[in-house]
Each structure stands twice: as structure tokens, then as C-alpha cells.
Amino acid sequence: RPFESGAEPEVHAWNQYHVRFLYFSLIFILFDMEMVFMYPWAVVFFEIGWKAFMEMGMFITILVLGILYAWRERAFEWE
């Protein structure tokens, strides 16, 4: 069993974290994945041309839809 300073824990470890943190972690991953895919796109943008521009436009549209959905579900509010 995990312990702190040799004392028995008073509550279970899962009781310390609210499920709201799950939403914040998913939102972080959403923004993080956006940057991971945008860097290689920026490197080859001039070689590919308009096709790359349209593909990134679709990608960003999907991400914006995810952000708008999170906003509608009030995932950005902290109570």
C-alpha cells in the first residue's frame, strides 16, 4: 500500500482527482497534436503547394469543431 510519512492513507488515491481533469488532458492533447502535425506540414508546404494548404485546412477545421464541441459541453469552465 502507498503511504505518506509512514501513516496509513485516509482516502483512496482516486478520490483526490476530479473527473474534470480528464477533459483538460484531452484538450491539451488536442492542441498538442495540432502542433505535432503542423511542423512537418510547414516544412514541405512550398514543395506540395495548394494540396497541402487544403489538407491542413481540413485538419484545422476538424480541430476547431472539436474545440467548439468542448466549449458547448462547458469543458473550459472551472467550478
Protein backbone atom coordinates (compact mmCIF):
# COMPACT_ATOMS: atom_id res chain seq x y z
CA ARG A 1 0.00 0.00 0.00
CA PRO A 2 1.21 3.50 -0.70
CA PHE A 3 1.83 5.65 2.31
CA GLU A 4 2.98 9.10 3.21
CA SER A 5 5.31 9.70 6.13
CA GLY A 6 4.61 6.22 7.48
CA ALA A 7 0.90 6.94 8.05
CA GLU A 8 -1.95 4.95 6.58
CA PRO A 9 -3.87 6.85 3.87
CA GLU A 10 -7.24 8.24 4.94
CA VAL A 11 -8.85 8.10 1.48
CA HIS A 12 -8.30 6.12 -1.68
CA ALA A 13 -5.94 7.69 -4.20
CA TRP A 14 -8.67 8.06 -6.84
CA ASN A 15 -10.65 10.33 -4.51
CA GLN A 16 -8.06 13.08 -4.84
CA TYR A 17 -8.69 13.85 -8.51
CA HIS A 18 -11.89 15.05 -10.04
CA VAL A 19 -13.01 13.62 -13.38
CA ARG A 20 -12.82 17.18 -14.73
CA PHE A 21 -9.06 16.75 -15.14
CA LEU A 22 -9.78 14.20 -17.87
CA TYR A 23 -11.35 16.93 -20.02
CA PHE A 24 -8.36 19.22 -19.54
CA SER A 25 -5.96 16.46 -20.51
CA LEU A 26 -7.95 15.69 -23.66
CA ILE A 27 -8.00 19.36 -24.61
CA PHE A 28 -4.23 19.53 -24.08
CA ILE A 29 -3.75 16.53 -26.34
CA LEU A 30 -5.95 18.19 -28.95
CA PHE A 31 -3.71 21.27 -29.06
CA ASP A 32 -0.52 19.23 -28.76
CA MET A 33 -1.39 17.01 -31.70
CA GLU A 34 -2.15 20.08 -33.76
CA MET A 35 1.42 21.33 -33.32
CA VAL A 36 2.94 17.91 -33.96
CA PHE A 37 1.25 17.72 -37.37
CA MET A 38 1.72 21.36 -38.33
CA TYR A 39 5.52 21.41 -38.16
CA PRO A 40 6.18 18.80 -40.88
CA TRP A 41 3.44 20.42 -42.96
CA ALA A 42 5.20 23.78 -42.74
CA VAL A 43 8.47 22.18 -43.87
CA VAL A 44 7.02 20.72 -47.09
CA PHE A 45 4.33 23.35 -47.77
CA PHE A 46 6.11 25.07 -50.67
CA GLU A 47 7.01 21.76 -52.31
CA ILE A 48 3.45 20.42 -52.36
CA GLY A 49 1.55 23.69 -52.85
CA TRP A 50 -2.22 24.09 -52.73
CA LYS A 51 -2.91 20.44 -51.99
CA ALA A 52 -1.02 20.80 -48.70
CA PHE A 53 -2.92 24.01 -47.96
CA MET A 54 -6.29 22.30 -48.48
CA GLU A 55 -5.30 19.29 -46.38
CA MET A 56 -4.20 21.50 -43.49
CA GLY A 57 -7.41 23.49 -43.85
CA MET A 58 -9.45 20.30 -43.39
CA PHE A 59 -7.28 19.27 -40.44
CA ILE A 60 -7.68 22.62 -38.70
CA THR A 61 -11.43 22.57 -39.39
CA ILE A 62 -11.74 19.22 -37.61
CA LEU A 63 -9.74 20.56 -34.66
CA VAL A 64 -11.88 23.70 -34.48
CA LEU A 65 -15.00 21.55 -34.47
CA GLY A 66 -13.52 19.63 -31.52
CA ILE A 67 -12.82 22.87 -29.68
CA LEU A 68 -16.34 24.16 -30.35
CA TYR A 69 -17.78 20.89 -29.07
CA ALA A 70 -15.71 21.15 -25.89
CA TRP A 71 -16.86 24.76 -25.49
CA ARG A 72 -20.51 23.74 -25.93
CA GLU A 73 -20.11 20.98 -23.33
CA ARG A 74 -18.57 23.59 -20.98
CA ALA A 75 -15.28 21.72 -20.68
CA PHE A 76 -13.41 25.02 -20.34
CA GLU A 77 -15.30 26.13 -17.23
CA TRP A 78 -13.88 25.52 -13.80
CA GLU A 79 -16.41 25.38 -10.99
